[in-house]
Amino acid sequence: MDKKFNLIEGEFDQIEAREILVQLFNDKINFHVRKSFSSNIRFGIKDENSERRIKSLQGELLKINDFFKQAEANNSIYRINASIELIAQESKKTEV
């Protein structure tokens, strides 16, 4: 069963738009930090996928901050639309 959820839909001033995006990316980074930490504690190795995602998300966060620094003098309103598309996948079968 597939489902789509609207996460963000609206117009925001510069401060609100930056705050929403930064918080969203920080939450996702923190998710992967915790996941990798848990893997390190349980198995003695960091979660490689989470480590890659952390670096990628941190790079995107830098781009967001740069964008809003360059736009500081601009009093624009920003429209943000973000949806989550949930698609059921066949589960991976593990061999015993």
PDB file of N, CA and C in Angstrom:
ATOM      1  N   MET A   1       0.840  -1.175   0.000  1.00  0.00           N
ATOM      2  CA  MET A   1       0.000   0.000   0.000  1.00  0.00           C
ATOM      3  C   MET A   1       0.890   1.246   0.000  1.00  0.00           C
ATOM      4  N   ASP A   2       0.686   2.126  -0.941  1.00  0.00           N
ATOM      5  CA  ASP A   2       1.451   3.363  -1.043  1.00  0.00           C
ATOM      6  C   ASP A   2       0.629   4.509  -0.471  1.00  0.00           C
ATOM      7  N   LYS A   3       1.317   5.484   0.094  1.00  0.00           N
ATOM      8  CA  LYS A   3       0.635   6.616   0.701  1.00  0.00           C
ATOM      9  C   LYS A   3       1.514   7.853   0.594  1.00  0.00           C
ATOM     10  N   LYS A   4       0.883   9.004   0.417  1.00  0.00           N
ATOM     11  CA  LYS A   4       1.603  10.265   0.347  1.00  0.00           C
ATOM     12  C   LYS A   4       1.111  11.154   1.483  1.00  0.00           C
ATOM     13  N   PHE A   5       2.061  11.777   2.179  1.00  0.00           N
ATOM     14  CA  PHE A   5       1.759  12.668   3.296  1.00  0.00           C
ATOM     15  C   PHE A   5       2.340  14.044   3.011  1.00  0.00           C
ATOM     16  N   ASN A   6       1.550  15.089   3.226  1.00  0.00           N
ATOM     17  CA  ASN A   6       2.060  16.453   3.093  1.00  0.00           C
ATOM     18  C   ASN A   6       2.746  16.835   4.391  1.00  0.00           C
ATOM     19  N   LEU A   7       4.028  17.116   4.306  1.00  0.00           N
ATOM     20  CA  LEU A   7       4.803  17.476   5.486  1.00  0.00           C
ATOM     21  C   LEU A   7       4.811  18.988   5.694  1.00  0.00           C
ATOM     22  N   ILE A   8       5.124  19.711   4.644  1.00  0.00           N
ATOM     23  CA  ILE A   8       5.163  21.176   4.709  1.00  0.00           C
ATOM     24  C   ILE A   8       4.444  21.704   3.480  1.00  0.00           C
ATOM     25  N   GLU A   9       3.577  22.656   3.692  1.00  0.00           N
ATOM     26  CA  GLU A   9       2.878  23.279   2.576  1.00  0.00           C
ATOM     27  C   GLU A   9       2.486  24.678   3.015  1.00  0.00           C
ATOM     28  N   GLY A  10       3.208  25.665   2.501  1.00  0.00           N
ATOM     29  CA  GLY A  10       2.856  27.022   2.873  1.00  0.00           C
ATOM     30  C   GLY A  10       3.890  28.048   2.470  1.00  0.00           C
ATOM     31  N   GLU A  11       3.592  29.283   2.821  1.00  0.00           N
ATOM     32  CA  GLU A  11       4.479  30.403   2.546  1.00  0.00           C
ATOM     33  C   GLU A  11       5.041  30.908   3.863  1.00  0.00           C
ATOM     34  N   PHE A  12       6.338  31.211   3.843  1.00  0.00           N
ATOM     35  CA  PHE A  12       7.038  31.586   5.055  1.00  0.00           C
ATOM     36  C   PHE A  12       7.982  32.747   4.784  1.00  0.00           C
ATOM     37  N   ASP A  13       8.165  33.602   5.798  1.00  0.00           N
ATOM     38  CA  ASP A  13       9.173  34.641   5.634  1.00  0.00           C
ATOM     39  C   ASP A  13      10.546  33.985   5.741  1.00  0.00           C
ATOM     40  N   GLN A  14      11.584  34.767   5.516  1.00  0.00           N
ATOM     41  CA  GLN A  14      12.940  34.219   5.459  1.00  0.00           C
ATOM     42  C   GLN A  14      13.347  33.531   6.757  1.00  0.00           C
ATOM     43  N   ILE A  15      13.036  34.121   7.881  1.00  0.00           N
ATOM     44  CA  ILE A  15      13.419  33.551   9.172  1.00  0.00           C
ATOM     45  C   ILE A  15      12.705  32.222   9.401  1.00  0.00           C
ATOM     46  N   GLU A  16      11.399  32.185   9.133  1.00  0.00           N
ATOM     47  CA  GLU A  16      10.627  30.951   9.322  1.00  0.00           C
ATOM     48  C   GLU A  16      11.094  29.852   8.366  1.00  0.00           C
ATOM     49  N   ALA A  17      11.298  30.211   7.098  1.00  0.00           N
ATOM     50  CA  ALA A  17      11.714  29.225   6.100  1.00  0.00           C
ATOM     51  C   ALA A  17      13.046  28.598   6.481  1.00  0.00           C
ATOM     52  N   ARG A  18      14.006  29.439   6.874  1.00  0.00           N
ATOM     53  CA  ARG A  18      15.315  28.926   7.290  1.00  0.00           C
ATOM     54  C   ARG A  18      15.165  28.034   8.517  1.00  0.00           C
ATOM     55  N   GLU A  19      14.405  28.470   9.494  1.00  0.00           N
ATOM     56  CA  GLU A  19      14.228  27.705  10.726  1.00  0.00           C
ATOM     57  C   GLU A  19      13.610  26.335  10.449  1.00  0.00           C
ATOM     58  N   ILE A  20      12.604  26.296   9.609  1.00  0.00           N
ATOM     59  CA  ILE A  20      11.941  25.028   9.264  1.00  0.00           C
ATOM     60  C   ILE A  20      12.930  24.072   8.598  1.00  0.00           C
ATOM     61  N   LEU A  21      13.649  24.571   7.597  1.00  0.00           N
ATOM     62  CA  LEU A  21      14.574  23.713   6.858  1.00  0.00           C
ATOM     63  C   LEU A  21      15.746  23.250   7.720  1.00  0.00           C
ATOM     64  N   VAL A  22      16.309  24.163   8.486  1.00  0.00           N
ATOM     65  CA  VAL A  22      17.439  23.799   9.350  1.00  0.00           C
ATOM     66  C   VAL A  22      17.002  22.759  10.377  1.00  0.00           C
ATOM     67  N   GLN A  23      15.842  22.954  10.986  1.00  0.00           N
ATOM     68  CA  GLN A  23      15.357  21.994  11.982  1.00  0.00           C
ATOM     69  C   GLN A  23      15.103  20.628  11.359  1.00  0.00           C
ATOM     70  N   LEU A  24      14.519  20.616  10.178  1.00  0.00           N
ATOM     71  CA  LEU A  24      14.239  19.362   9.491  1.00  0.00           C
ATOM     72  C   LEU A  24      15.527  18.591   9.194  1.00  0.00           C
ATOM     73  N   PHE A  25      16.527  19.301   8.661  1.00  0.00           N
ATOM     74  CA  PHE A  25      17.796  18.654   8.339  1.00  0.00           C
ATOM     75  C   PHE A  25      18.536  18.233   9.612  1.00  0.00           C
ATOM     76  N   ASN A  26      18.510  19.060  10.648  1.00  0.00           N
ATOM     77  CA  ASN A  26      19.156  18.684  11.911  1.00  0.00           C
ATOM     78  C   ASN A  26      18.512  17.448  12.526  1.00  0.00           C
ATOM     79  N   ASP A  27      17.189  17.361  12.455  1.00  0.00           N
ATOM     80  CA  ASP A  27      16.500  16.178  12.980  1.00  0.00           C
ATOM     81  C   ASP A  27      16.924  14.923  12.228  1.00  0.00           C
ATOM     82  N   LYS A  28      17.031  15.028  10.920  1.00  0.00           N
ATOM     83  CA  LYS A  28      17.429  13.878  10.111  1.00  0.00           C
ATOM     84  C   LYS A  28      18.890  13.504  10.384  1.00  0.00           C
ATOM     85  N   ILE A  29      19.751  14.504  10.541  1.00  0.00           N
ATOM     86  CA  ILE A  29      21.151  14.236  10.892  1.00  0.00           C
ATOM     87  C   ILE A  29      21.219  13.532  12.242  1.00  0.00           C
ATOM     88  N   ASN A  30      20.481  14.035  13.227  1.00  0.00           N
ATOM     89  CA  ASN A  30      20.486  13.433  14.559  1.00  0.00           C
ATOM     90  C   ASN A  30      19.974  11.994  14.540  1.00  0.00           C
ATOM     91  N   PHE A  31      18.989  11.713  13.690  1.00  0.00           N
ATOM     92  CA  PHE A  31      18.505  10.339  13.535  1.00  0.00           C
ATOM     93  C   PHE A  31      19.651   9.427  13.128  1.00  0.00           C
ATOM     94  N   HIS A  32      20.423   9.854  12.120  1.00  0.00           N
ATOM     95  CA  HIS A  32      21.523   9.020  11.630  1.00  0.00           C
ATOM     96  C   HIS A  32      22.681   8.954  12.619  1.00  0.00           C
ATOM     97  N   VAL A  33      22.921  10.021  13.359  1.00  0.00           N
ATOM     98  CA  VAL A  33      23.956   9.997  14.398  1.00  0.00           C
ATOM     99  C   VAL A  33      23.603   8.943  15.445  1.00  0.00           C
ATOM    100  N   ARG A  34      22.358   8.952  15.891  1.00  0.00           N
ATOM    101  CA  ARG A  34      21.915   7.969  16.892  1.00  0.00           C
ATOM    102  C   ARG A  34      21.978   6.542  16.337  1.00  0.00           C
ATOM    103  N   LYS A  35      21.578   6.377  15.092  1.00  0.00           N
ATOM    104  CA  LYS A  35      21.594   5.050  14.478  1.00  0.00           C
ATOM    105  C   LYS A  35      23.017   4.510  14.375  1.00  0.00           C
ATOM    106  N   SER A  36      23.940   5.355  13.952  1.00  0.00           N
ATOM    107  CA  SER A  36      25.330   4.934  13.828  1.00  0.00           C
ATOM    108  C   SER A  36      25.943   4.662  15.198  1.00  0.00           C
ATOM    109  N   PHE A  37      25.622   5.505  16.169  1.00  0.00           N
ATOM    110  CA  PHE A  37      26.106   5.304  17.530  1.00  0.00           C
ATOM    111  C   PHE A  37      25.607   3.965  18.081  1.00  0.00           C
ATOM    112  N   SER A  38      24.343   3.682  17.872  1.00  0.00           N
ATOM    113  CA  SER A  38      23.760   2.422  18.326  1.00  0.00           C
ATOM    114  C   SER A  38      24.475   1.232  17.687  1.00  0.00           C
ATOM    115  N   SER A  39      24.741   1.317  16.402  1.00  0.00           N
ATOM    116  CA  SER A  39      25.449   0.245  15.707  1.00  0.00           C
ATOM    117  C   SER A  39      26.856   0.072  16.278  1.00  0.00           C
ATOM    118  N   ASN A  40      27.494   1.192  16.573  1.00  0.00           N
ATOM    119  CA  ASN A  40      28.847   1.146  17.126  1.00  0.00           C
ATOM    120  C   ASN A  40      28.850   0.492  18.510  1.00  0.00           C
ATOM    121  N   ILE A  41      27.865   0.815  19.324  1.00  0.00           N
ATOM    122  CA  ILE A  41      27.767   0.227  20.667  1.00  0.00           C
ATOM    123  C   ILE A  41      27.443  -1.267  20.580  1.00  0.00           C
ATOM    124  N   ARG A  42      26.485  -1.624  19.720  1.00  0.00           N
ATOM    125  CA  ARG A  42      26.030  -3.019  19.651  1.00  0.00           C
ATOM    126  C   ARG A  42      26.990  -3.943  18.914  1.00  0.00           C
ATOM    127  N   PHE A  43      27.572  -3.439  17.800  1.00  0.00           N
ATOM    128  CA  PHE A  43      28.373  -4.317  16.939  1.00  0.00           C
ATOM    129  C   PHE A  43      29.837  -3.904  16.821  1.00  0.00           C
ATOM    130  N   GLY A  44      30.186  -2.757  17.400  1.00  0.00           N
ATOM    131  CA  GLY A  44      31.570  -2.292  17.329  1.00  0.00           C
ATOM    132  C   GLY A  44      31.931  -1.605  16.026  1.00  0.00           C
ATOM    133  N   ILE A  45      30.937  -1.347  15.165  1.00  0.00           N
ATOM    134  CA  ILE A  45      31.186  -0.640  13.905  1.00  0.00           C
ATOM    135  C   ILE A  45      30.081   0.390  13.671  1.00  0.00           C
ATOM    136  N   LYS A  46      30.464   1.499  13.101  1.00  0.00           N
ATOM    137  CA  LYS A  46      29.476   2.528  12.772  1.00  0.00           C
ATOM    138  C   LYS A  46      28.656   2.071  11.578  1.00  0.00           C
ATOM    139  N   ASP A  47      27.441   2.567  11.487  1.00  0.00           N
ATOM    140  CA  ASP A  47      26.556   2.275  10.364  1.00  0.00           C
ATOM    141  C   ASP A  47      27.043   3.086   9.155  1.00  0.00           C
ATOM    142  N   GLU A  48      27.585   2.403   8.151  1.00  0.00           N
ATOM    143  CA  GLU A  48      28.174   3.085   6.995  1.00  0.00           C
ATOM    144  C   GLU A  48      27.165   3.930   6.235  1.00  0.00           C
ATOM    145  N   ASN A  49      25.952   3.417   6.071  1.00  0.00           N
ATOM    146  CA  ASN A  49      24.928   4.176   5.362  1.00  0.00           C
ATOM    147  C   ASN A  49      24.603   5.458   6.116  1.00  0.00           C
ATOM    148  N   SER A  50      24.459   5.373   7.431  1.00  0.00           N
ATOM    149  CA  SER A  50      24.169   6.557   8.234  1.00  0.00           C
ATOM    150  C   SER A  50      25.318   7.550   8.177  1.00  0.00           C
ATOM    151  N   GLU A  51      26.544   7.071   8.201  1.00  0.00           N
ATOM    152  CA  GLU A  51      27.700   7.972   8.126  1.00  0.00           C
ATOM    153  C   GLU A  51      27.711   8.734   6.802  1.00  0.00           C
ATOM    154  N   ARG A  52      27.362   8.044   5.710  1.00  0.00           N
ATOM    155  CA  ARG A  52      27.280   8.710   4.393  1.00  0.00           C
ATOM    156  C   ARG A  52      26.152   9.745   4.384  1.00  0.00           C
ATOM    157  N   ARG A  53      25.016   9.364   4.948  1.00  0.00           N
ATOM    158  CA  ARG A  53      23.870  10.283   4.977  1.00  0.00           C
ATOM    159  C   ARG A  53      24.163  11.508   5.830  1.00  0.00           C
ATOM    160  N   ILE A  54      24.869  11.326   6.941  1.00  0.00           N
ATOM    161  CA  ILE A  54      25.239  12.461   7.794  1.00  0.00           C
ATOM    162  C   ILE A  54      26.049  13.469   6.981  1.00  0.00           C
ATOM    163  N   LYS A  55      27.068  12.986   6.278  1.00  0.00           N
ATOM    164  CA  LYS A  55      27.912  13.882   5.469  1.00  0.00           C
ATOM    165  C   LYS A  55      27.091  14.579   4.382  1.00  0.00           C
ATOM    166  N   SER A  56      26.229  13.827   3.726  1.00  0.00           N
ATOM    167  CA  SER A  56      25.400  14.389   2.662  1.00  0.00           C
ATOM    168  C   SER A  56      24.443  15.450   3.209  1.00  0.00           C
ATOM    169  N   LEU A  57      23.779  15.129   4.302  1.00  0.00           N
ATOM    170  CA  LEU A  57      22.829  16.070   4.901  1.00  0.00           C
ATOM    171  C   LEU A  57      23.532  17.311   5.448  1.00  0.00           C
ATOM    172  N   GLN A  58      24.725  17.146   6.006  1.00  0.00           N
ATOM    173  CA  GLN A  58      25.491  18.301   6.482  1.00  0.00           C
ATOM    174  C   GLN A  58      25.865  19.213   5.315  1.00  0.00           C
ATOM    175  N   GLY A  59      26.192  18.617   4.172  1.00  0.00           N
ATOM    176  CA  GLY A  59      26.486  19.403   2.974  1.00  0.00           C
ATOM    177  C   GLY A  59      25.267  20.194   2.520  1.00  0.00           C
ATOM    178  N   GLU A  60      24.108  19.562   2.552  1.00  0.00           N
ATOM    179  CA  GLU A  60      22.867  20.250   2.169  1.00  0.00           C
ATOM    180  C   GLU A  60      22.536  21.367   3.156  1.00  0.00           C
ATOM    181  N   LEU A  61      22.805  21.128   4.429  1.00  0.00           N
ATOM    182  CA  LEU A  61      22.563  22.135   5.459  1.00  0.00           C
ATOM    183  C   LEU A  61      23.445  23.364   5.236  1.00  0.00           C
ATOM    184  N   LEU A  62      24.685  23.142   4.833  1.00  0.00           N
ATOM    185  CA  LEU A  62      25.576  24.259   4.496  1.00  0.00           C
ATOM    186  C   LEU A  62      25.013  25.066   3.325  1.00  0.00           C
ATOM    187  N   LYS A  63      24.481  24.370   2.326  1.00  0.00           N
ATOM    188  CA  LYS A  63      23.882  25.053   1.167  1.00  0.00           C
ATOM    189  C   LYS A  63      22.677  25.894   1.592  1.00  0.00           C
ATOM    190  N   ILE A  64      21.877  25.367   2.483  1.00  0.00           N
ATOM    191  CA  ILE A  64      20.702  26.103   2.980  1.00  0.00           C
ATOM    192  C   ILE A  64      21.158  27.372   3.698  1.00  0.00           C
ATOM    193  N   ASN A  65      22.135  27.226   4.591  1.00  0.00           N
ATOM    194  CA  ASN A  65      22.640  28.386   5.323  1.00  0.00           C
ATOM    195  C   ASN A  65      23.260  29.417   4.385  1.00  0.00           C
ATOM    196  N   ASP A  66      24.023  28.963   3.389  1.00  0.00           N
ATOM    197  CA  ASP A  66      24.610  29.883   2.405  1.00  0.00           C
ATOM    198  C   ASP A  66      23.520  30.610   1.627  1.00  0.00           C
ATOM    199  N   PHE A  67      22.493  29.874   1.224  1.00  0.00           N
ATOM    200  CA  PHE A  67      21.398  30.480   0.474  1.00  0.00           C
ATOM    201  C   PHE A  67      20.767  31.619   1.260  1.00  0.00           C
ATOM    202  N   PHE A  68      20.463  31.372   2.527  1.00  0.00           N
ATOM    203  CA  PHE A  68      19.797  32.397   3.324  1.00  0.00           C
ATOM    204  C   PHE A  68      20.734  33.534   3.723  1.00  0.00           C
ATOM    205  N   LYS A  69      22.025  33.277   3.827  1.00  0.00           N
ATOM    206  CA  LYS A  69      22.985  34.360   4.080  1.00  0.00           C
ATOM    207  C   LYS A  69      23.025  35.309   2.888  1.00  0.00           C
ATOM    208  N   GLN A  70      23.008  34.755   1.686  1.00  0.00           N
ATOM    209  CA  GLN A  70      23.031  35.571   0.477  1.00  0.00           C
ATOM    210  C   GLN A  70      21.726  36.328   0.291  1.00  0.00           C
ATOM    211  N   ALA A  71      20.651  35.818   0.812  1.00  0.00           N
ATOM    212  CA  ALA A  71      19.334  36.422   0.624  1.00  0.00           C
ATOM    213  C   ALA A  71      18.934  37.323   1.794  1.00  0.00           C
ATOM    214  N   GLU A  72      19.864  37.617   2.724  1.00  0.00           N
ATOM    215  CA  GLU A  72      19.515  38.374   3.927  1.00  0.00           C
ATOM    216  C   GLU A  72      18.860  39.714   3.641  1.00  0.00           C
ATOM    217  N   ALA A  73      19.329  40.430   2.639  1.00  0.00           N
ATOM    218  CA  ALA A  73      18.766  41.749   2.345  1.00  0.00           C
ATOM    219  C   ALA A  73      17.419  41.642   1.637  1.00  0.00           C
ATOM    220  N   ASN A  74      17.106  40.469   1.165  1.00  0.00           N
ATOM    221  CA  ASN A  74      15.873  40.230   0.430  1.00  0.00           C
ATOM    222  C   ASN A  74      14.738  39.933   1.422  1.00  0.00           C
ATOM    223  N   ASN A  75      13.645  40.628   1.273  1.00  0.00           N
ATOM    224  CA  ASN A  75      12.499  40.400   2.161  1.00  0.00           C
ATOM    225  C   ASN A  75      11.462  39.489   1.507  1.00  0.00           C
ATOM    226  N   SER A  76      11.934  38.476   0.816  1.00  0.00           N
ATOM    227  CA  SER A  76      11.034  37.591   0.078  1.00  0.00           C
ATOM    228  C   SER A  76      10.262  36.675   1.003  1.00  0.00           C
ATOM    229  N   ILE A  77       9.165  36.212   0.462  1.00  0.00           N
ATOM    230  CA  ILE A  77       8.385  35.150   1.073  1.00  0.00           C
ATOM    231  C   ILE A  77       8.740  33.885   0.289  1.00  0.00           C
ATOM    232  N   TYR A  78       8.931  32.794   1.006  1.00  0.00           N
ATOM    233  CA  TYR A  78       9.329  31.538   0.378  1.00  0.00           C
ATOM    234  C   TYR A  78       8.216  30.513   0.508  1.00  0.00           C
ATOM    235  N   ARG A  79       7.903  29.879  -0.593  1.00  0.00           N
ATOM    236  CA  ARG A  79       6.915  28.800  -0.592  1.00  0.00           C
ATOM    237  C   ARG A  79       7.673  27.494  -0.436  1.00  0.00           C
ATOM    238  N   ILE A  80       7.277  26.712   0.536  1.00  0.00           N
ATOM    239  CA  ILE A  80       7.890  25.403   0.764  1.00  0.00           C
ATOM    240  C   ILE A  80       6.801  24.348   0.631  1.00  0.00           C
ATOM    241  N   ASN A  81       7.057  23.392  -0.237  1.00  0.00           N
ATOM    242  CA  ASN A  81       6.194  22.229  -0.398  1.00  0.00           C
ATOM    243  C   ASN A  81       7.064  20.995  -0.202  1.00  0.00           C
ATOM    244  N   ALA A  82       6.721  20.185   0.748  1.00  0.00           N
ATOM    245  CA  ALA A  82       7.475  18.958   0.985  1.00  0.00           C
ATOM    246  C   ALA A  82       6.484  17.839   1.297  1.00  0.00           C
ATOM    247  N   SER A  83       6.600  16.788   0.538  1.00  0.00           N
ATOM    248  CA  SER A  83       5.739  15.621   0.726  1.00  0.00           C
ATOM    249  C   SER A  83       6.594  14.410   1.032  1.00  0.00           C
ATOM    250  N   ILE A  84       6.001  13.493   1.738  1.00  0.00           N
ATOM    251  CA  ILE A  84       6.628  12.204   2.011  1.00  0.00           C
ATOM    252  C   ILE A  84       5.838  11.164   1.235  1.00  0.00           C
ATOM    253  N   GLU A  85       6.527  10.410   0.413  1.00  0.00           N
ATOM    254  CA  GLU A  85       5.886   9.352  -0.338  1.00  0.00           C
ATOM    255  C   GLU A  85       6.327   8.024   0.259  1.00  0.00           C
ATOM    256  N   LEU A  86       5.387   7.299   0.816  1.00  0.00           N
ATOM    257  CA  LEU A  86       5.661   6.024   1.467  1.00  0.00           C
ATOM    258  C   LEU A  86       5.265   4.911   0.506  1.00  0.00           C
ATOM    259  N   ILE A  87       6.250   4.125   0.115  1.00  0.00           N
ATOM    260  CA  ILE A  87       6.026   3.057  -0.858  1.00  0.00           C
ATOM    261  C   ILE A  87       6.437   1.728  -0.226  1.00  0.00           C
ATOM    262  N   ALA A  88       5.497   0.814  -0.141  1.00  0.00           N
ATOM    263  CA  ALA A  88       5.794  -0.501   0.426  1.00  0.00           C
ATOM    264  C   ALA A  88       6.736  -1.255  -0.505  1.00  0.00           C
ATOM    265  N   GLN A  89       7.782  -1.809   0.075  1.00  0.00           N
ATOM    266  CA  GLN A  89       8.752  -2.602  -0.669  1.00  0.00           C
ATOM    267  C   GLN A  89       8.712  -4.034  -0.168  1.00  0.00           C
ATOM    268  N   GLU A  90       9.099  -4.944  -1.022  1.00  0.00           N
ATOM    269  CA  GLU A  90       9.181  -6.333  -0.588  1.00  0.00           C
ATOM    270  C   GLU A  90      10.296  -6.440   0.450  1.00  0.00           C
ATOM    271  N   SER A  91      10.016  -7.094   1.557  1.00  0.00           N
ATOM    272  CA  SER A  91      11.021  -7.186   2.615  1.00  0.00           C
ATOM    273  C   SER A  91      12.176  -8.061   2.182  1.00  0.00           C
ATOM    274  N   LYS A  92      13.357  -7.737   2.722  1.00  0.00           N
ATOM    275  CA  LYS A  92      14.542  -8.534   2.449  1.00  0.00           C
ATOM    276  C   LYS A  92      14.473  -9.793   3.298  1.00  0.00           C
ATOM    277  N   LYS A  93      14.665 -10.901   2.655  1.00  0.00           N
ATOM    278  CA  LYS A  93      14.638 -12.167   3.386  1.00  0.00           C
ATOM    279  C   LYS A  93      16.054 -12.520   3.808  1.00  0.00           C
ATOM    280  N   THR A  94      16.221 -12.861   5.057  1.00  0.00           N
ATOM    281  CA  THR A  94      17.513 -13.257   5.544  1.00  0.00           C
ATOM    282  C   THR A  94      17.579 -14.774   5.666  1.00  0.00           C
ATOM    283  N   GLU A  95      18.733 -15.298   5.340  1.00  0.00           N
ATOM    284  CA  GLU A  95      18.913 -16.736   5.447  1.00  0.00           C
ATOM    285  C   GLU A  95      19.363 -17.078   6.853  1.00  0.00           C
ATOM    286  N   VAL A  96      18.888 -18.189   7.336  1.00  0.00           N
ATOM    287  CA  VAL A  96      19.237 -18.633   8.684  1.00  0.00           C
ATOM    288  C   VAL A  96      20.334 -19.644   8.628  1.00  0.00           C
TER     289      VAL A  96
END
